[in-house]
Amino acid sequence: MTDTPPDHLAINPASPFHDAVAIDRGVGIRFNGVERDNVEEYSVSEGWIRVQVGKSKDRRGNPMTIKVKGEVVAYYRDIA
């Protein structure tokens, strides 16, 4: 295993960027210097995270999300 998490990761199993092994290992996200624990998806190279917007759901029952741009740092929690 490598010590760097994937560049793009999503918690939704239907997403092509879902990686169960990395999620089980525990990925931490620091966004603009603040530790975030409500991230649905992220991309380090593109500099954005996707987070839930309240308790709203779309017509398929998935949480409504918004993409926020900024500095993204991903790390494995078992190393830090």
PDB file of N, CA and C in Angstrom:
ATOM      1  N   MET A   1       0.827  -1.187   0.000  1.00  0.00           N
ATOM      2  CA  MET A   1       0.000   0.000   0.000  1.00  0.00           C
ATOM      3  C   MET A   1       0.865   1.243   0.000  1.00  0.00           C
ATOM      4  N   THR A   2       0.346   2.270  -0.659  1.00  0.00           N
ATOM      5  CA  THR A   2       1.070   3.530  -0.666  1.00  0.00           C
ATOM      6  C   THR A   2       0.627   4.384   0.514  1.00  0.00           C
ATOM      7  N   ASP A   3       1.406   5.396   0.820  1.00  0.00           N
ATOM      8  CA  ASP A   3       1.084   6.279   1.931  1.00  0.00           C
ATOM      9  C   ASP A   3       0.322   7.516   1.491  1.00  0.00           C
ATOM     10  N   THR A   4      -0.017   7.613   0.201  1.00  0.00           N
ATOM     11  CA  THR A   4      -0.803   8.740  -0.282  1.00  0.00           C
ATOM     12  C   THR A   4      -2.165   8.254  -0.749  1.00  0.00           C
ATOM     13  N   PRO A   5      -3.234   8.925  -0.312  1.00  0.00           N
ATOM     14  CA  PRO A   5      -4.574   8.531  -0.741  1.00  0.00           C
ATOM     15  C   PRO A   5      -4.799   8.878  -2.209  1.00  0.00           C
ATOM     16  N   PRO A   6      -5.875   8.362  -2.807  1.00  0.00           N
ATOM     17  CA  PRO A   6      -6.154   8.656  -4.216  1.00  0.00           C
ATOM     18  C   PRO A   6      -6.364  10.156  -4.443  1.00  0.00           C
ATOM     19  N   ASP A   7      -6.066  10.610  -5.657  1.00  0.00           N
ATOM     20  CA  ASP A   7      -6.240  12.010  -6.029  1.00  0.00           C
ATOM     21  C   ASP A   7      -7.720  12.394  -6.059  1.00  0.00           C
ATOM     22  N   HIS A   8      -8.573  11.468  -6.449  1.00  0.00           N
ATOM     23  CA  HIS A   8     -10.018  11.718  -6.550  1.00  0.00           C
ATOM     24  C   HIS A   8     -10.730  10.547  -5.885  1.00  0.00           C
ATOM     25  N   LEU A   9     -11.587  10.821  -4.911  1.00  0.00           N
ATOM     26  CA  LEU A   9     -12.251   9.762  -4.164  1.00  0.00           C
ATOM     27  C   LEU A   9     -13.678  10.169  -3.846  1.00  0.00           C
ATOM     28  N   ALA A  10     -14.607   9.200  -3.942  1.00  0.00           N
ATOM     29  CA  ALA A  10     -16.011   9.434  -3.624  1.00  0.00           C
ATOM     30  C   ALA A  10     -16.502   8.340  -2.679  1.00  0.00           C
ATOM     31  N   ILE A  11     -17.419   8.681  -1.766  1.00  0.00           N
ATOM     32  CA  ILE A  11     -17.945   7.674  -0.851  1.00  0.00           C
ATOM     33  C   ILE A  11     -19.144   6.936  -1.435  1.00  0.00           C
ATOM     34  N   ASN A  12     -19.717   7.453  -2.510  1.00  0.00           N
ATOM     35  CA  ASN A  12     -20.863   6.820  -3.157  1.00  0.00           C
ATOM     36  C   ASN A  12     -20.397   5.590  -3.936  1.00  0.00           C
ATOM     37  N   PRO A  13     -20.912   4.389  -3.616  1.00  0.00           N
ATOM     38  CA  PRO A  13     -20.463   3.173  -4.308  1.00  0.00           C
ATOM     39  C   PRO A  13     -20.792   3.150  -5.803  1.00  0.00           C
ATOM     40  N   ALA A  14     -21.736   3.948  -6.245  1.00  0.00           N
ATOM     41  CA  ALA A  14     -22.089   3.993  -7.671  1.00  0.00           C
ATOM     42  C   ALA A  14     -21.111   4.844  -8.480  1.00  0.00           C
ATOM     43  N   SER A  15     -20.271   5.609  -7.827  1.00  0.00           N
ATOM     44  CA  SER A  15     -19.327   6.489  -8.507  1.00  0.00           C
ATOM     45  C   SER A  15     -18.137   5.703  -9.045  1.00  0.00           C
ATOM     46  N   PRO A  16     -17.611   6.089 -10.212  1.00  0.00           N
ATOM     47  CA  PRO A  16     -16.398   5.425 -10.717  1.00  0.00           C
ATOM     48  C   PRO A  16     -15.157   5.748  -9.886  1.00  0.00           C
ATOM     49  N   PHE A  17     -15.236   6.744  -9.005  1.00  0.00           N
ATOM     50  CA  PHE A  17     -14.102   7.139  -8.169  1.00  0.00           C
ATOM     51  C   PHE A  17     -14.175   6.541  -6.769  1.00  0.00           C
ATOM     52  N   HIS A  18     -15.083   5.608  -6.539  1.00  0.00           N
ATOM     53  CA  HIS A  18     -15.227   4.943  -5.243  1.00  0.00           C
ATOM     54  C   HIS A  18     -14.115   3.912  -5.068  1.00  0.00           C
ATOM     55  N   ASP A  19     -13.458   3.942  -3.915  1.00  0.00           N
ATOM     56  CA  ASP A  19     -12.397   2.985  -3.587  1.00  0.00           C
ATOM     57  C   ASP A  19     -12.625   2.526  -2.148  1.00  0.00           C
ATOM     58  N   ALA A  20     -13.229   1.349  -1.993  1.00  0.00           N
ATOM     59  CA  ALA A  20     -13.603   0.851  -0.668  1.00  0.00           C
ATOM     60  C   ALA A  20     -12.395   0.619   0.231  1.00  0.00           C
ATOM     61  N   VAL A  21     -11.288   0.190  -0.333  1.00  0.00           N
ATOM     62  CA  VAL A  21     -10.091  -0.071   0.472  1.00  0.00           C
ATOM     63  C   VAL A  21      -9.575   1.224   1.098  1.00  0.00           C
ATOM     64  N   ALA A  22      -9.512   2.297   0.314  1.00  0.00           N
ATOM     65  CA  ALA A  22      -9.032   3.580   0.832  1.00  0.00           C
ATOM     66  C   ALA A  22      -9.988   4.138   1.877  1.00  0.00           C
ATOM     67  N   ILE A  23     -11.285   3.989   1.648  1.00  0.00           N
ATOM     68  CA  ILE A  23     -12.273   4.500   2.599  1.00  0.00           C
ATOM     69  C   ILE A  23     -12.202   3.725   3.912  1.00  0.00           C
ATOM     70  N   ASP A  24     -12.048   2.407   3.835  1.00  0.00           N
ATOM     71  CA  ASP A  24     -11.931   1.591   5.043  1.00  0.00           C
ATOM     72  C   ASP A  24     -10.669   1.929   5.832  1.00  0.00           C
ATOM     73  N   ARG A  25      -9.620   2.304   5.126  1.00  0.00           N
ATOM     74  CA  ARG A  25      -8.371   2.666   5.803  1.00  0.00           C
ATOM     75  C   ARG A  25      -8.517   3.988   6.555  1.00  0.00           C
ATOM     76  N   GLY A  26      -9.374   4.877   6.039  1.00  0.00           N
ATOM     77  CA  GLY A  26      -9.628   6.156   6.712  1.00  0.00           C
ATOM     78  C   GLY A  26      -8.878   7.297   6.067  1.00  0.00           C
ATOM     79  N   VAL A  27      -9.569   8.076   5.262  1.00  0.00           N
ATOM     80  CA  VAL A  27      -8.971   9.224   4.589  1.00  0.00           C
ATOM     81  C   VAL A  27      -9.450  10.488   5.283  1.00  0.00           C
ATOM     82  N   GLY A  28      -8.509  11.335   5.667  1.00  0.00           N
ATOM     83  CA  GLY A  28      -8.839  12.624   6.265  1.00  0.00           C
ATOM     84  C   GLY A  28      -8.684  13.718   5.227  1.00  0.00           C
ATOM     85  N   ILE A  29      -9.513  14.751   5.329  1.00  0.00           N
ATOM     86  CA  ILE A  29      -9.471  15.867   4.385  1.00  0.00           C
ATOM     87  C   ILE A  29      -9.272  17.163   5.155  1.00  0.00           C
ATOM     88  N   ARG A  30      -8.296  17.939   4.716  1.00  0.00           N
ATOM     89  CA  ARG A  30      -8.080  19.287   5.237  1.00  0.00           C
ATOM     90  C   ARG A  30      -8.383  20.238   4.083  1.00  0.00           C
ATOM     91  N   PHE A  31      -9.412  21.075   4.255  1.00  0.00           N
ATOM     92  CA  PHE A  31      -9.845  21.992   3.199  1.00  0.00           C
ATOM     93  C   PHE A  31      -9.603  23.424   3.655  1.00  0.00           C
ATOM     94  N   ASN A  32      -8.752  24.145   2.938  1.00  0.00           N
ATOM     95  CA  ASN A  32      -8.356  25.518   3.291  1.00  0.00           C
ATOM     96  C   ASN A  32      -7.875  25.610   4.737  1.00  0.00           C
ATOM     97  N   GLY A  33      -7.133  24.592   5.176  1.00  0.00           N
ATOM     98  CA  GLY A  33      -6.547  24.588   6.510  1.00  0.00           C
ATOM     99  C   GLY A  33      -7.474  24.135   7.624  1.00  0.00           C
ATOM    100  N   VAL A  34      -8.713  23.730   7.289  1.00  0.00           N
ATOM    101  CA  VAL A  34      -9.689  23.304   8.290  1.00  0.00           C
ATOM    102  C   VAL A  34     -10.010  21.832   8.071  1.00  0.00           C
ATOM    103  N   GLU A  35      -9.972  21.056   9.148  1.00  0.00           N
ATOM    104  CA  GLU A  35     -10.296  19.633   9.078  1.00  0.00           C
ATOM    105  C   GLU A  35     -11.788  19.470   8.778  1.00  0.00           C
ATOM    106  N   ARG A  36     -12.128  18.697   7.729  1.00  0.00           N
ATOM    107  CA  ARG A  36     -13.526  18.488   7.354  1.00  0.00           C
ATOM    108  C   ARG A  36     -13.861  17.014   7.489  1.00  0.00           C
ATOM    109  N   ASP A  37     -15.044  16.720   8.039  1.00  0.00           N
ATOM    110  CA  ASP A  37     -15.463  15.328   8.175  1.00  0.00           C
ATOM    111  C   ASP A  37     -16.768  15.040   7.439  1.00  0.00           C
ATOM    112  N   ASN A  38     -17.288  15.998   6.672  1.00  0.00           N
ATOM    113  CA  ASN A  38     -18.544  15.811   5.956  1.00  0.00           C
ATOM    114  C   ASN A  38     -18.368  15.819   4.438  1.00  0.00           C
ATOM    115  N   VAL A  39     -17.221  15.398   3.962  1.00  0.00           N
ATOM    116  CA  VAL A  39     -16.910  15.428   2.534  1.00  0.00           C
ATOM    117  C   VAL A  39     -17.465  14.178   1.849  1.00  0.00           C
ATOM    118  N   GLU A  40     -18.258  14.383   0.796  1.00  0.00           N
ATOM    119  CA  GLU A  40     -18.823  13.278   0.012  1.00  0.00           C
ATOM    120  C   GLU A  40     -17.857  12.830  -1.081  1.00  0.00           C
ATOM    121  N   GLU A  41     -17.129  13.792  -1.664  1.00  0.00           N
ATOM    122  CA  GLU A  41     -16.204  13.514  -2.762  1.00  0.00           C
ATOM    123  C   GLU A  41     -15.163  14.626  -2.783  1.00  0.00           C
ATOM    124  N   TYR A  42     -13.963  14.315  -3.264  1.00  0.00           N
ATOM    125  CA  TYR A  42     -12.932  15.344  -3.366  1.00  0.00           C
ATOM    126  C   TYR A  42     -12.032  15.081  -4.559  1.00  0.00           C
ATOM    127  N   SER A  43     -11.343  16.127  -4.990  1.00  0.00           N
ATOM    128  CA  SER A  43     -10.304  16.026  -6.014  1.00  0.00           C
ATOM    129  C   SER A  43      -9.172  16.967  -5.604  1.00  0.00           C
ATOM    130  N   VAL A  44      -8.019  16.393  -5.321  1.00  0.00           N
ATOM    131  CA  VAL A  44      -6.874  17.190  -4.890  1.00  0.00           C
ATOM    132  C   VAL A  44      -6.325  18.001  -6.059  1.00  0.00           C
ATOM    133  N   SER A  45      -6.160  17.375  -7.226  1.00  0.00           N
ATOM    134  CA  SER A  45      -5.542  18.054  -8.365  1.00  0.00           C
ATOM    135  C   SER A  45      -6.413  19.179  -8.910  1.00  0.00           C
ATOM    136  N   GLU A  46      -7.739  19.025  -8.855  1.00  0.00           N
ATOM    137  CA  GLU A  46      -8.636  20.066  -9.351  1.00  0.00           C
ATOM    138  C   GLU A  46      -8.997  21.075  -8.267  1.00  0.00           C
ATOM    139  N   GLY A  47      -8.727  20.758  -6.996  1.00  0.00           N
ATOM    140  CA  GLY A  47      -8.923  21.694  -5.895  1.00  0.00           C
ATOM    141  C   GLY A  47     -10.372  21.927  -5.513  1.00  0.00           C
ATOM    142  N   TRP A  48     -11.138  20.863  -5.307  1.00  0.00           N
ATOM    143  CA  TRP A  48     -12.524  21.012  -4.866  1.00  0.00           C
ATOM    144  C   TRP A  48     -12.957  19.848  -3.993  1.00  0.00           C
ATOM    145  N   ILE A  49     -14.004  20.108  -3.188  1.00  0.00           N
ATOM    146  CA  ILE A  49     -14.668  19.068  -2.411  1.00  0.00           C
ATOM    147  C   ILE A  49     -16.162  19.180  -2.673  1.00  0.00           C
ATOM    148  N   ARG A  50     -16.884  18.104  -2.452  1.00  0.00           N
ATOM    149  CA  ARG A  50     -18.340  18.094  -2.577  1.00  0.00           C
ATOM    150  C   ARG A  50     -18.900  17.739  -1.202  1.00  0.00           C
ATOM    151  N   VAL A  51     -19.738  18.637  -0.662  1.00  0.00           N
ATOM    152  CA  VAL A  51     -20.312  18.452   0.670  1.00  0.00           C
ATOM    153  C   VAL A  51     -21.837  18.513   0.605  1.00  0.00           C
ATOM    154  N   GLN A  52     -22.483  17.920   1.616  1.00  0.00           N
ATOM    155  CA  GLN A  52     -23.941  17.919   1.706  1.00  0.00           C
ATOM    156  C   GLN A  52     -24.479  19.310   1.988  1.00  0.00           C
ATOM    157  N   VAL A  53     -25.682  19.577   1.447  1.00  0.00           N
ATOM    158  CA  VAL A  53     -26.374  20.833   1.701  1.00  0.00           C
ATOM    159  C   VAL A  53     -27.576  20.514   2.583  1.00  0.00           C
ATOM    160  N   GLY A  54     -27.432  20.693   3.879  1.00  0.00           N
ATOM    161  CA  GLY A  54     -28.519  20.422   4.809  1.00  0.00           C
ATOM    162  C   GLY A  54     -28.957  18.967   4.787  1.00  0.00           C
ATOM    163  N   LYS A  55     -30.254  18.759   4.950  1.00  0.00           N
ATOM    164  CA  LYS A  55     -30.808  17.405   4.949  1.00  0.00           C
ATOM    165  C   LYS A  55     -31.595  17.132   3.679  1.00  0.00           C
ATOM    166  N   SER A  56     -31.452  17.987   2.668  1.00  0.00           N
ATOM    167  CA  SER A  56     -32.192  17.848   1.418  1.00  0.00           C
ATOM    168  C   SER A  56     -31.770  16.597   0.662  1.00  0.00           C
ATOM    169  N   LYS A  57     -32.732  15.986  -0.016  1.00  0.00           N
ATOM    170  CA  LYS A  57     -32.476  14.797  -0.828  1.00  0.00           C
ATOM    171  C   LYS A  57     -32.951  15.055  -2.251  1.00  0.00           C
ATOM    172  N   ASP A  58     -32.290  14.423  -3.222  1.00  0.00           N
ATOM    173  CA  ASP A  58     -32.777  14.517  -4.588  1.00  0.00           C
ATOM    174  C   ASP A  58     -33.871  13.472  -4.805  1.00  0.00           C
ATOM    175  N   ARG A  59     -34.380  13.369  -6.012  1.00  0.00           N
ATOM    176  CA  ARG A  59     -35.515  12.468  -6.250  1.00  0.00           C
ATOM    177  C   ARG A  59     -35.151  10.993  -6.143  1.00  0.00           C
ATOM    178  N   ARG A  60     -33.885  10.673  -6.134  1.00  0.00           N
ATOM    179  CA  ARG A  60     -33.436   9.282  -5.968  1.00  0.00           C
ATOM    180  C   ARG A  60     -33.079   8.958  -4.515  1.00  0.00           C
ATOM    181  N   GLY A  61     -33.208   9.942  -3.633  1.00  0.00           N
ATOM    182  CA  GLY A  61     -32.918   9.733  -2.224  1.00  0.00           C
ATOM    183  C   GLY A  61     -31.478  10.013  -1.831  1.00  0.00           C
ATOM    184  N   ASN A  62     -30.667  10.496  -2.763  1.00  0.00           N
ATOM    185  CA  ASN A  62     -29.276  10.843  -2.473  1.00  0.00           C
ATOM    186  C   ASN A  62     -29.221  12.255  -1.889  1.00  0.00           C
ATOM    187  N   PRO A  63     -28.249  12.531  -1.034  1.00  0.00           N
ATOM    188  CA  PRO A  63     -28.153  13.885  -0.460  1.00  0.00           C
ATOM    189  C   PRO A  63     -27.789  14.917  -1.525  1.00  0.00           C
ATOM    190  N   MET A  64     -28.378  16.099  -1.409  1.00  0.00           N
ATOM    191  CA  MET A  64     -28.025  17.210  -2.298  1.00  0.00           C
ATOM    192  C   MET A  64     -26.643  17.703  -1.886  1.00  0.00           C
ATOM    193  N   THR A  65     -25.795  17.968  -2.865  1.00  0.00           N
ATOM    194  CA  THR A  65     -24.423  18.381  -2.578  1.00  0.00           C
ATOM    195  C   THR A  65     -24.083  19.657  -3.337  1.00  0.00           C
ATOM    196  N   ILE A  66     -23.021  20.300  -2.870  1.00  0.00           N
ATOM    197  CA  ILE A  66     -22.497  21.486  -3.517  1.00  0.00           C
ATOM    198  C   ILE A  66     -20.984  21.328  -3.635  1.00  0.00           C
ATOM    199  N   LYS A  67     -20.431  21.809  -4.739  1.00  0.00           N
ATOM    200  CA  LYS A  67     -18.983  21.746  -4.957  1.00  0.00           C
ATOM    201  C   LYS A  67     -18.364  23.056  -4.488  1.00  0.00           C
ATOM    202  N   VAL A  68     -17.334  22.957  -3.624  1.00  0.00           N
ATOM    203  CA  VAL A  68     -16.648  24.117  -3.080  1.00  0.00           C
ATOM    204  C   VAL A  68     -15.188  24.033  -3.499  1.00  0.00           C
ATOM    205  N   LYS A  69     -14.656  25.124  -4.040  1.00  0.00           N
ATOM    206  CA  LYS A  69     -13.274  25.142  -4.513  1.00  0.00           C
ATOM    207  C   LYS A  69     -12.346  25.750  -3.472  1.00  0.00           C
ATOM    208  N   GLY A  70     -11.138  25.205  -3.407  1.00  0.00           N
ATOM    209  CA  GLY A  70     -10.136  25.690  -2.474  1.00  0.00           C
ATOM    210  C   GLY A  70      -8.965  24.717  -2.412  1.00  0.00           C
ATOM    211  N   GLU A  71      -8.103  24.887  -1.413  1.00  0.00           N
ATOM    212  CA  GLU A  71      -6.947  24.015  -1.236  1.00  0.00           C
ATOM    213  C   GLU A  71      -7.365  22.736  -0.520  1.00  0.00           C
ATOM    214  N   VAL A  72      -7.104  21.592  -1.154  1.00  0.00           N
ATOM    215  CA  VAL A  72      -7.488  20.298  -0.611  1.00  0.00           C
ATOM    216  C   VAL A  72      -6.232  19.491  -0.296  1.00  0.00           C
ATOM    217  N   VAL A  73      -6.158  18.973   0.933  1.00  0.00           N
ATOM    218  CA  VAL A  73      -5.067  18.093   1.343  1.00  0.00           C
ATOM    219  C   VAL A  73      -5.697  16.810   1.874  1.00  0.00           C
ATOM    220  N   ALA A  74      -5.358  15.686   1.243  1.00  0.00           N
ATOM    221  CA  ALA A  74      -5.878  14.386   1.667  1.00  0.00           C
ATOM    222  C   ALA A  74      -4.750  13.595   2.314  1.00  0.00           C
ATOM    223  N   TYR A  75      -5.097  12.838   3.362  1.00  0.00           N
ATOM    224  CA  TYR A  75      -4.100  12.031   4.064  1.00  0.00           C
ATOM    225  C   TYR A  75      -4.795  10.839   4.694  1.00  0.00           C
ATOM    226  N   TYR A  76      -4.024   9.803   4.978  1.00  0.00           N
ATOM    227  CA  TYR A  76      -4.554   8.641   5.692  1.00  0.00           C
ATOM    228  C   TYR A  76      -4.475   8.913   7.176  1.00  0.00           C
ATOM    229  N   ARG A  77      -5.564   8.657   7.887  1.00  0.00           N
ATOM    230  CA  ARG A  77      -5.619   8.939   9.321  1.00  0.00           C
ATOM    231  C   ARG A  77      -4.734   8.019  10.138  1.00  0.00           C
ATOM    232  N   ASP A  78      -4.476   6.792   9.675  1.00  0.00           N
ATOM    233  CA  ASP A  78      -3.635   5.871  10.450  1.00  0.00           C
ATOM    234  C   ASP A  78      -2.169   6.284  10.433  1.00  0.00           C
ATOM    235  N   ILE A  79      -1.764   7.130   9.505  1.00  0.00           N
ATOM    236  CA  ILE A  79      -0.379   7.611   9.438  1.00  0.00           C
ATOM    237  C   ILE A  79      -0.220   8.875  10.278  1.00  0.00           C
ATOM    238  N   ALA A  80      -1.194   9.768  10.179  1.00  0.00           N
ATOM    239  CA  ALA A  80      -1.133  11.048  10.906  1.00  0.00           C
ATOM    240  C   ALA A  80      -1.363  10.793  12.349  1.00  0.00           C
TER     241      ALA A  80
END
